[in-house]
Amino acid sequence: MTIGFIGLGNMAKAMIGGILQKGLMGPNEIIGSARTEETCLKVSNKYGIQVRSSNGAVAREADIIVLAVKPQYLKVVIADIMDYVDDSKLIVSIAAGKTINWLQAEFEKPTRIIRVMPNTPALVGEGCSAVCRNDLVSDDDYHFVMELLESFGKAYTVPETLMDVVVGVSGSSPAYVFLFIEAMADAAVAGGMPRKQAYEFAAQSVLGSAKMVLETGKHPGQLKDMVCSPAGTTIEAVRVLEERGFRGTVMDAVSACIDKSQTL
């Protein structure tokens, strides 16, 4: 079996790296194409995969075709490859905002399609991917793709109606977390801590807190209460966050992201 990546950006590289690291496929079973020869050479040299000079060549050779391009380029890419796609090919799209029905209409024929919304922590093996499929995809094929996705993090089946919500809460949310880490580090620097150390303290605290949510199964509010001693420092910080509308602002930001995803 051969998997072909059309687009070799960060998400494609995260997927390729995870697949190779877990030994699910070998470099000789992965091919790819990109807009520039420079990108193709870099990815080929790093991972040992084969690259092709055109999207059509990838589609012709691959059994699984991963559309790893931005939503605005999908229409052109599908036009490039549609003549090479038949019922033996499995399409995996990681583009935000483009539904299975939209993809199906662009291919202009019955096509086996899996839609995935991953996120950038996949680059460090901690991705979170939401997955759905159309009725033409077999259980065996779906489980195989899920196994590939789990090579660089967690993968969850969701109804397609939630895909835009996934963009808001997972796909785009690493940016919100990075802002939070940067803000905490800035405050630590203002308090006298060296910049590098401030980033390490802030980032490790976010990492550990997330792990507590996932591994203890406790409600985030319960975990928050465990840190807040009576008349202590933490509850004072929480009071300021609540006064400034921290939770409402985060909710508004996620809602704005969901709204934008729905218009792509």
C-alpha atoms as a PDB file:
ATOM      1  CA  MET A   1       0.000   0.000   0.000  1.00  0.00           C
ATOM      2  CA  THR A   2       1.197   3.519  -0.819  1.00  0.00           C
ATOM      3  CA  ILE A   3       0.134   6.751   0.865  1.00  0.00           C
ATOM      4  CA  GLY A   4       0.538   9.998  -1.051  1.00  0.00           C
ATOM      5  CA  PHE A   5       0.661  13.485   0.446  1.00  0.00           C
ATOM      6  CA  ILE A   6      -0.356  16.417  -1.705  1.00  0.00           C
ATOM      7  CA  GLY A   7       1.163  19.282   0.227  1.00  0.00           C
ATOM      8  CA  LEU A   8       4.206  18.810   2.448  1.00  0.00           C
ATOM      9  CA  GLY A   9       3.726  21.479   5.099  1.00  0.00           C
ATOM     10  CA  ASN A  10       3.841  21.118   8.870  1.00  0.00           C
ATOM     11  CA  MET A  11       0.815  18.860   9.224  1.00  0.00           C
ATOM     12  CA  ALA A  12       1.940  16.543   6.443  1.00  0.00           C
ATOM     13  CA  LYS A  13       5.407  16.336   8.004  1.00  0.00           C
ATOM     14  CA  ALA A  14       3.893  15.577  11.403  1.00  0.00           C
ATOM     15  CA  MET A  15       1.857  12.757   9.888  1.00  0.00           C
ATOM     16  CA  ILE A  16       4.796  11.356   7.943  1.00  0.00           C
ATOM     17  CA  GLY A  17       7.054  11.520  10.994  1.00  0.00           C
ATOM     18  CA  GLY A  18       4.542   9.746  13.217  1.00  0.00           C
ATOM     19  CA  ILE A  19       3.806   7.026  10.667  1.00  0.00           C
ATOM     20  CA  LEU A  20       7.517   6.317  10.198  1.00  0.00           C
ATOM     21  CA  GLN A  21       8.357   6.480  13.898  1.00  0.00           C
ATOM     22  CA  LYS A  22       5.671   3.932  14.763  1.00  0.00           C
ATOM     23  CA  GLY A  23       6.741   1.715  11.868  1.00  0.00           C
ATOM     24  CA  LEU A  24       3.267   1.623  10.361  1.00  0.00           C
ATOM     25  CA  MET A  25       4.707   2.188   6.881  1.00  0.00           C
ATOM     26  CA  GLY A  26       8.191   2.479   5.426  1.00  0.00           C
ATOM     27  CA  PRO A  27       9.664   5.454   3.547  1.00  0.00           C
ATOM     28  CA  ASN A  28       9.335   3.508   0.302  1.00  0.00           C
ATOM     29  CA  GLU A  29       5.564   3.378   0.837  1.00  0.00           C
ATOM     30  CA  ILE A  30       5.140   7.161   1.161  1.00  0.00           C
ATOM     31  CA  ILE A  31       5.237   9.679  -1.685  1.00  0.00           C
ATOM     32  CA  GLY A  32       4.493  13.367  -1.838  1.00  0.00           C
ATOM     33  CA  SER A  33       4.304  16.562  -3.843  1.00  0.00           C
ATOM     34  CA  ALA A  34       4.526  20.255  -2.992  1.00  0.00           C
ATOM     35  CA  ARG A  35       4.335  23.612  -4.723  1.00  0.00           C
ATOM     36  CA  THR A  36       8.115  24.100  -4.695  1.00  0.00           C
ATOM     37  CA  GLU A  37      10.988  21.790  -5.506  1.00  0.00           C
ATOM     38  CA  GLU A  38      12.814  23.113  -2.446  1.00  0.00           C
ATOM     39  CA  THR A  39      10.079  21.833  -0.123  1.00  0.00           C
ATOM     40  CA  CYS A  40      10.055  18.450  -1.839  1.00  0.00           C
ATOM     41  CA  LEU A  41      13.811  18.072  -1.453  1.00  0.00           C
ATOM     42  CA  LYS A  42      13.780  19.074   2.217  1.00  0.00           C
ATOM     43  CA  VAL A  43      11.057  16.581   3.099  1.00  0.00           C
ATOM     44  CA  SER A  44      12.612  13.840   1.006  1.00  0.00           C
ATOM     45  CA  ASN A  45      16.010  14.340   2.623  1.00  0.00           C
ATOM     46  CA  LYS A  46      14.579  14.417   6.136  1.00  0.00           C
ATOM     47  CA  TYR A  47      12.242  11.429   5.941  1.00  0.00           C
ATOM     48  CA  GLY A  48      13.604   9.415   3.022  1.00  0.00           C
ATOM     49  CA  ILE A  49      10.292   9.402   1.165  1.00  0.00           C
ATOM     50  CA  GLN A  50       9.908   9.666  -2.604  1.00  0.00           C
ATOM     51  CA  VAL A  51       8.617  12.898  -4.112  1.00  0.00           C
ATOM     52  CA  ARG A  52       6.876  13.517  -7.392  1.00  0.00           C
ATOM     53  CA  SER A  53       6.870  16.518  -9.697  1.00  0.00           C
ATOM     54  CA  SER A  54       3.077  16.809  -9.906  1.00  0.00           C
ATOM     55  CA  ASN A  55      -0.049  16.227  -7.854  1.00  0.00           C
ATOM     56  CA  GLY A  56      -1.381  13.989 -10.596  1.00  0.00           C
ATOM     57  CA  ALA A  57       1.608  11.664 -10.305  1.00  0.00           C
ATOM     58  CA  VAL A  58       0.976  11.266  -6.573  1.00  0.00           C
ATOM     59  CA  ALA A  59      -2.722  10.571  -7.131  1.00  0.00           C
ATOM     60  CA  ARG A  60      -1.981   8.052  -9.852  1.00  0.00           C
ATOM     61  CA  GLU A  61       0.436   6.017  -7.696  1.00  0.00           C
ATOM     62  CA  ALA A  62      -1.056   6.289  -4.206  1.00  0.00           C
ATOM     63  CA  ASP A  63      -3.746   4.081  -2.687  1.00  0.00           C
ATOM     64  CA  ILE A  64      -4.456   6.666   0.030  1.00  0.00           C
ATOM     65  CA  ILE A  65      -4.310  10.330  -1.040  1.00  0.00           C
ATOM     66  CA  VAL A  66      -3.928  12.887   1.734  1.00  0.00           C
ATOM     67  CA  LEU A  67      -5.040  16.375   0.734  1.00  0.00           C
ATOM     68  CA  ALA A  68      -2.752  18.391   3.009  1.00  0.00           C
ATOM     69  CA  VAL A  69      -3.258  21.825   1.478  1.00  0.00           C
ATOM     70  CA  LYS A  70      -5.055  24.936   2.704  1.00  0.00           C
ATOM     71  CA  PRO A  71      -8.786  25.162   1.946  1.00  0.00           C
ATOM     72  CA  GLN A  72      -8.370  27.888  -0.682  1.00  0.00           C
ATOM     73  CA  TYR A  73      -6.185  25.576  -2.797  1.00  0.00           C
ATOM     74  CA  LEU A  74      -8.396  22.492  -2.647  1.00  0.00           C
ATOM     75  CA  LYS A  75     -10.467  23.246  -5.726  1.00  0.00           C
ATOM     76  CA  VAL A  76      -7.364  23.542  -7.921  1.00  0.00           C
ATOM     77  CA  VAL A  77      -5.753  20.444  -6.401  1.00  0.00           C
ATOM     78  CA  ILE A  78      -8.854  18.324  -6.924  1.00  0.00           C
ATOM     79  CA  ALA A  79      -9.018  19.474 -10.546  1.00  0.00           C
ATOM     80  CA  ASP A  80      -5.397  18.291 -10.911  1.00  0.00           C
ATOM     81  CA  ILE A  81      -6.052  14.811  -9.586  1.00  0.00           C
ATOM     82  CA  MET A  82      -9.693  13.949 -10.283  1.00  0.00           C
ATOM     83  CA  ASP A  83      -8.902  11.994 -13.454  1.00  0.00           C
ATOM     84  CA  TYR A  84      -6.702   9.646 -11.404  1.00  0.00           C
ATOM     85  CA  VAL A  85      -9.232   9.054  -8.628  1.00  0.00           C
ATOM     86  CA  ASP A  86     -11.526   6.049  -8.852  1.00  0.00           C
ATOM     87  CA  ASP A  87     -13.227   3.743  -6.347  1.00  0.00           C
ATOM     88  CA  SER A  88      -9.890   2.101  -5.505  1.00  0.00           C
ATOM     89  CA  LYS A  89      -8.547   5.356  -4.049  1.00  0.00           C
ATOM     90  CA  LEU A  90      -9.154   6.603  -0.510  1.00  0.00           C
ATOM     91  CA  ILE A  91      -9.180  10.396  -0.069  1.00  0.00           C
ATOM     92  CA  VAL A  92      -8.179  11.881   3.296  1.00  0.00           C
ATOM     93  CA  SER A  93      -8.722  15.640   3.573  1.00  0.00           C
ATOM     94  CA  ILE A  94      -7.275  17.699   6.439  1.00  0.00           C
ATOM     95  CA  ALA A  95      -8.554  21.046   5.145  1.00  0.00           C
ATOM     96  CA  ALA A  96     -10.704  23.106   7.491  1.00  0.00           C
ATOM     97  CA  GLY A  97     -14.198  24.137   6.443  1.00  0.00           C
ATOM     98  CA  LYS A  98     -14.597  21.856   3.420  1.00  0.00           C
ATOM     99  CA  THR A  99     -17.313  19.271   4.010  1.00  0.00           C
ATOM    100  CA  ILE A 100     -17.482  15.754   2.654  1.00  0.00           C
ATOM    101  CA  ASN A 101     -20.391  16.817   0.425  1.00  0.00           C
ATOM    102  CA  TRP A 102     -18.307  19.702  -0.942  1.00  0.00           C
ATOM    103  CA  LEU A 103     -15.387  17.364  -1.647  1.00  0.00           C
ATOM    104  CA  GLN A 104     -17.707  14.822  -3.253  1.00  0.00           C
ATOM    105  CA  ALA A 105     -19.173  17.473  -5.538  1.00  0.00           C
ATOM    106  CA  GLU A 106     -15.719  18.637  -6.623  1.00  0.00           C
ATOM    107  CA  PHE A 107     -14.662  15.110  -7.592  1.00  0.00           C
ATOM    108  CA  GLU A 108     -17.887  14.784  -9.624  1.00  0.00           C
ATOM    109  CA  LYS A 109     -18.176  11.037  -8.946  1.00  0.00           C
ATOM    110  CA  PRO A 110     -18.623   8.655  -6.014  1.00  0.00           C
ATOM    111  CA  THR A 111     -15.435   8.929  -3.970  1.00  0.00           C
ATOM    112  CA  ARG A 112     -14.303   7.303  -0.718  1.00  0.00           C
ATOM    113  CA  ILE A 113     -13.632  10.245   1.604  1.00  0.00           C
ATOM    114  CA  ILE A 114     -12.391  10.614   5.162  1.00  0.00           C
ATOM    115  CA  ARG A 115     -12.306  14.085   6.638  1.00  0.00           C
ATOM    116  CA  VAL A 116      -9.794  14.894   9.388  1.00  0.00           C
ATOM    117  CA  MET A 117      -9.183  17.978  11.523  1.00  0.00           C
ATOM    118  CA  PRO A 118      -5.752  17.633  13.170  1.00  0.00           C
ATOM    119  CA  ASN A 119      -3.741  20.256  15.062  1.00  0.00           C
ATOM    120  CA  THR A 120      -0.113  21.352  15.227  1.00  0.00           C
ATOM    121  CA  PRO A 121       0.880  19.548  18.464  1.00  0.00           C
ATOM    122  CA  ALA A 122       1.019  16.549  16.127  1.00  0.00           C
ATOM    123  CA  LEU A 123       4.533  17.857  15.402  1.00  0.00           C
ATOM    124  CA  VAL A 124       5.589  16.659  18.868  1.00  0.00           C
ATOM    125  CA  GLY A 125       3.431  13.518  18.923  1.00  0.00           C
ATOM    126  CA  GLU A 126       0.609  15.118  20.934  1.00  0.00           C
ATOM    127  CA  GLY A 127      -1.904  15.911  18.228  1.00  0.00           C
ATOM    128  CA  CYS A 128      -5.668  15.776  18.553  1.00  0.00           C
ATOM    129  CA  SER A 129      -7.528  14.758  15.389  1.00  0.00           C
ATOM    130  CA  ALA A 130     -11.265  14.646  14.757  1.00  0.00           C
ATOM    131  CA  VAL A 131     -12.354  12.177  12.087  1.00  0.00           C
ATOM    132  CA  CYS A 132     -15.474  11.399  10.052  1.00  0.00           C
ATOM    133  CA  ARG A 133     -16.194   9.539   6.805  1.00  0.00           C
ATOM    134  CA  ASN A 134     -18.751   8.981   4.097  1.00  0.00           C
ATOM    135  CA  ASP A 135     -20.668   5.749   3.589  1.00  0.00           C
ATOM    136  CA  LEU A 136     -18.313   4.499   0.871  1.00  0.00           C
ATOM    137  CA  VAL A 137     -15.404   4.024   3.301  1.00  0.00           C
ATOM    138  CA  SER A 138     -15.122   0.505   4.698  1.00  0.00           C
ATOM    139  CA  ASP A 139     -14.559  -0.192   8.385  1.00  0.00           C
ATOM    140  CA  ASP A 140     -11.148  -1.706   7.623  1.00  0.00           C
ATOM    141  CA  ASP A 141      -9.999   1.380   5.733  1.00  0.00           C
ATOM    142  CA  TYR A 142     -11.346   3.669   8.431  1.00  0.00           C
ATOM    143  CA  HIS A 143      -9.592   1.771  11.212  1.00  0.00           C
ATOM    144  CA  PHE A 144      -6.327   1.846   9.253  1.00  0.00           C
ATOM    145  CA  VAL A 145      -6.516   5.617   8.845  1.00  0.00           C
ATOM    146  CA  MET A 146      -7.342   5.978  12.549  1.00  0.00           C
ATOM    147  CA  GLU A 147      -4.229   3.953  13.345  1.00  0.00           C
ATOM    148  CA  LEU A 148      -2.150   6.275  11.161  1.00  0.00           C
ATOM    149  CA  LEU A 149      -3.595   9.329  12.928  1.00  0.00           C
ATOM    150  CA  GLU A 150      -2.922   7.842  16.353  1.00  0.00           C
ATOM    151  CA  SER A 151       0.755   7.561  15.456  1.00  0.00           C
ATOM    152  CA  PHE A 152       1.123  11.273  16.274  1.00  0.00           C
ATOM    153  CA  GLY A 153      -1.486  11.788  19.016  1.00  0.00           C
ATOM    154  CA  LYS A 154      -5.132  11.080  19.782  1.00  0.00           C
ATOM    155  CA  ALA A 155      -7.841  10.559  17.167  1.00  0.00           C
ATOM    156  CA  TYR A 156     -11.573  10.685  17.830  1.00  0.00           C
ATOM    157  CA  THR A 157     -14.583   9.936  15.652  1.00  0.00           C
ATOM    158  CA  VAL A 158     -17.058  12.844  15.608  1.00  0.00           C
ATOM    159  CA  PRO A 159     -20.168  13.612  13.550  1.00  0.00           C
ATOM    160  CA  GLU A 160     -19.335  15.974  10.713  1.00  0.00           C
ATOM    161  CA  THR A 161     -21.746  18.530  12.163  1.00  0.00           C
ATOM    162  CA  LEU A 162     -19.158  19.107  14.929  1.00  0.00           C
ATOM    163  CA  MET A 163     -16.160  19.635  12.659  1.00  0.00           C
ATOM    164  CA  ASP A 164     -16.356  23.431  12.799  1.00  0.00           C
ATOM    165  CA  VAL A 165     -16.563  23.211  16.590  1.00  0.00           C
ATOM    166  CA  VAL A 166     -13.451  21.026  16.538  1.00  0.00           C
ATOM    167  CA  VAL A 167     -11.640  23.785  14.639  1.00  0.00           C
ATOM    168  CA  GLY A 168     -12.463  26.212  17.451  1.00  0.00           C
ATOM    169  CA  VAL A 169     -11.679  23.994  20.424  1.00  0.00           C
ATOM    170  CA  SER A 170      -8.770  21.974  19.019  1.00  0.00           C
ATOM    171  CA  GLY A 171      -7.612  22.852  15.511  1.00  0.00           C
ATOM    172  CA  SER A 172      -6.911  26.530  16.213  1.00  0.00           C
ATOM    173  CA  SER A 173      -6.659  26.451  20.003  1.00  0.00           C
ATOM    174  CA  PRO A 174      -2.889  25.872  20.267  1.00  0.00           C
ATOM    175  CA  ALA A 175      -2.564  29.535  19.240  1.00  0.00           C
ATOM    176  CA  TYR A 176      -4.689  30.601  22.219  1.00  0.00           C
ATOM    177  CA  VAL A 177      -2.573  28.465  24.547  1.00  0.00           C
ATOM    178  CA  PHE A 178       0.651  29.917  23.135  1.00  0.00           C
ATOM    179  CA  LEU A 179      -0.700  33.414  23.838  1.00  0.00           C
ATOM    180  CA  PHE A 180      -1.507  32.361  27.402  1.00  0.00           C
ATOM    181  CA  ILE A 181       1.989  30.922  27.909  1.00  0.00           C
ATOM    182  CA  GLU A 182       3.564  34.060  26.457  1.00  0.00           C
ATOM    183  CA  ALA A 183       1.471  36.317  28.699  1.00  0.00           C
ATOM    184  CA  MET A 184       2.359  34.361  31.843  1.00  0.00           C
ATOM    185  CA  ALA A 185       6.031  34.424  30.881  1.00  0.00           C
ATOM    186  CA  ASP A 186       5.891  38.186  30.250  1.00  0.00           C
ATOM    187  CA  ALA A 187       4.515  38.682  33.749  1.00  0.00           C
ATOM    188  CA  ALA A 188       7.265  36.503  35.197  1.00  0.00           C
ATOM    189  CA  VAL A 189       9.876  38.525  33.324  1.00  0.00           C
ATOM    190  CA  ALA A 190       8.328  41.691  34.730  1.00  0.00           C
ATOM    191  CA  GLY A 191       8.763  40.089  38.144  1.00  0.00           C
ATOM    192  CA  GLY A 192      12.469  39.525  37.516  1.00  0.00           C
ATOM    193  CA  MET A 193      12.682  36.004  36.062  1.00  0.00           C
ATOM    194  CA  PRO A 194      14.975  35.423  33.019  1.00  0.00           C
ATOM    195  CA  ARG A 195      12.997  35.064  29.767  1.00  0.00           C
ATOM    196  CA  LYS A 196      14.064  31.500  28.925  1.00  0.00           C
ATOM    197  CA  GLN A 197      13.252  30.271  32.404  1.00  0.00           C
ATOM    198  CA  ALA A 198       9.914  32.090  32.365  1.00  0.00           C
ATOM    199  CA  TYR A 199       8.861  30.252  29.208  1.00  0.00           C
ATOM    200  CA  GLU A 200       9.911  26.926  30.705  1.00  0.00           C
ATOM    201  CA  PHE A 201       7.927  27.484  33.917  1.00  0.00           C
ATOM    202  CA  ALA A 202       4.834  28.685  32.056  1.00  0.00           C
ATOM    203  CA  ALA A 203       4.898  25.943  29.411  1.00  0.00           C
ATOM    204  CA  GLN A 204       5.534  23.132  31.890  1.00  0.00           C
ATOM    205  CA  SER A 205       2.667  24.369  34.065  1.00  0.00           C
ATOM    206  CA  VAL A 206       0.281  24.244  31.086  1.00  0.00           C
ATOM    207  CA  LEU A 207       1.553  20.793  30.105  1.00  0.00           C
ATOM    208  CA  GLY A 208       1.144  19.433  33.624  1.00  0.00           C
ATOM    209  CA  SER A 209      -2.283  20.987  34.073  1.00  0.00           C
ATOM    210  CA  ALA A 210      -3.543  19.465  30.822  1.00  0.00           C
ATOM    211  CA  LYS A 211      -2.184  16.087  31.859  1.00  0.00           C
ATOM    212  CA  MET A 212      -4.049  16.310  35.173  1.00  0.00           C
ATOM    213  CA  VAL A 213      -7.337  16.923  33.341  1.00  0.00           C
ATOM    214  CA  LEU A 214      -6.774  13.956  31.031  1.00  0.00           C
ATOM    215  CA  GLU A 215      -5.394  11.491  33.569  1.00  0.00           C
ATOM    216  CA  THR A 216      -7.433  12.211  36.700  1.00  0.00           C
ATOM    217  CA  GLY A 217     -10.790  12.485  34.971  1.00  0.00           C
ATOM    218  CA  LYS A 218     -11.713  15.267  37.372  1.00  0.00           C
ATOM    219  CA  HIS A 219     -13.667  18.343  36.279  1.00  0.00           C
ATOM    220  CA  PRO A 220     -11.357  21.301  35.521  1.00  0.00           C
ATOM    221  CA  GLY A 221     -13.285  23.354  38.073  1.00  0.00           C
ATOM    222  CA  GLN A 222     -12.553  20.745  40.745  1.00  0.00           C
ATOM    223  CA  LEU A 223      -8.853  20.792  39.894  1.00  0.00           C
ATOM    224  CA  LYS A 224      -8.904  24.598  40.018  1.00  0.00           C
ATOM    225  CA  ASP A 225     -10.486  24.501  43.474  1.00  0.00           C
ATOM    226  CA  MET A 226      -7.713  22.181  44.666  1.00  0.00           C
ATOM    227  CA  VAL A 227      -5.139  24.914  43.942  1.00  0.00           C
ATOM    228  CA  CYS A 228      -7.138  27.761  45.520  1.00  0.00           C
ATOM    229  CA  SER A 229      -6.350  27.954  49.250  1.00  0.00           C
ATOM    230  CA  PRO A 230      -8.535  30.229  51.403  1.00  0.00           C
ATOM    231  CA  ALA A 231      -7.278  33.824  51.277  1.00  0.00           C
ATOM    232  CA  GLY A 232      -4.354  32.612  49.189  1.00  0.00           C
ATOM    233  CA  THR A 233      -2.436  33.798  46.148  1.00  0.00           C
ATOM    234  CA  THR A 234      -4.219  31.624  43.589  1.00  0.00           C
ATOM    235  CA  ILE A 235      -7.760  32.699  44.393  1.00  0.00           C
ATOM    236  CA  GLU A 236      -6.587  36.311  44.156  1.00  0.00           C
ATOM    237  CA  ALA A 237      -5.316  35.668  40.615  1.00  0.00           C
ATOM    238  CA  VAL A 238      -8.557  33.860  39.746  1.00  0.00           C
ATOM    239  CA  ARG A 239     -10.546  36.836  41.050  1.00  0.00           C
ATOM    240  CA  VAL A 240      -8.696  39.169  38.661  1.00  0.00           C
ATOM    241  CA  LEU A 241      -9.232  36.801  35.714  1.00  0.00           C
ATOM    242  CA  GLU A 242     -12.940  36.635  36.472  1.00  0.00           C
ATOM    243  CA  GLU A 243     -13.197  40.430  36.823  1.00  0.00           C
ATOM    244  CA  ARG A 244     -11.560  40.872  33.427  1.00  0.00           C
ATOM    245  CA  GLY A 245     -13.890  38.362  31.753  1.00  0.00           C
ATOM    246  CA  PHE A 246     -11.286  35.684  31.100  1.00  0.00           C
ATOM    247  CA  ARG A 247     -13.683  32.801  30.533  1.00  0.00           C
ATOM    248  CA  GLY A 248     -16.128  34.879  28.516  1.00  0.00           C
ATOM    249  CA  THR A 249     -13.324  36.177  26.313  1.00  0.00           C
ATOM    250  CA  VAL A 250     -12.064  32.648  25.634  1.00  0.00           C
ATOM    251  CA  MET A 251     -15.599  31.497  24.807  1.00  0.00           C
ATOM    252  CA  ASP A 252     -16.072  34.442  22.446  1.00  0.00           C
ATOM    253  CA  ALA A 253     -12.761  33.675  20.730  1.00  0.00           C
ATOM    254  CA  VAL A 254     -13.658  30.021  20.195  1.00  0.00           C
ATOM    255  CA  SER A 255     -17.098  31.024  18.886  1.00  0.00           C
ATOM    256  CA  ALA A 256     -15.499  33.471  16.435  1.00  0.00           C
ATOM    257  CA  CYS A 257     -13.207  30.705  15.218  1.00  0.00           C
ATOM    258  CA  ILE A 258     -16.158  28.361  14.705  1.00  0.00           C
ATOM    259  CA  ASP A 259     -18.036  31.062  12.778  1.00  0.00           C
ATOM    260  CA  LYS A 260     -15.040  31.653  10.514  1.00  0.00           C
ATOM    261  CA  SER A 261     -14.630  27.926   9.842  1.00  0.00           C
ATOM    262  CA  GLN A 262     -18.253  27.757   8.726  1.00  0.00           C
ATOM    263  CA  THR A 263     -17.597  30.382   6.029  1.00  0.00           C
ATOM    264  CA  LEU A 264     -14.474  28.823   4.492  1.00  0.00           C
END
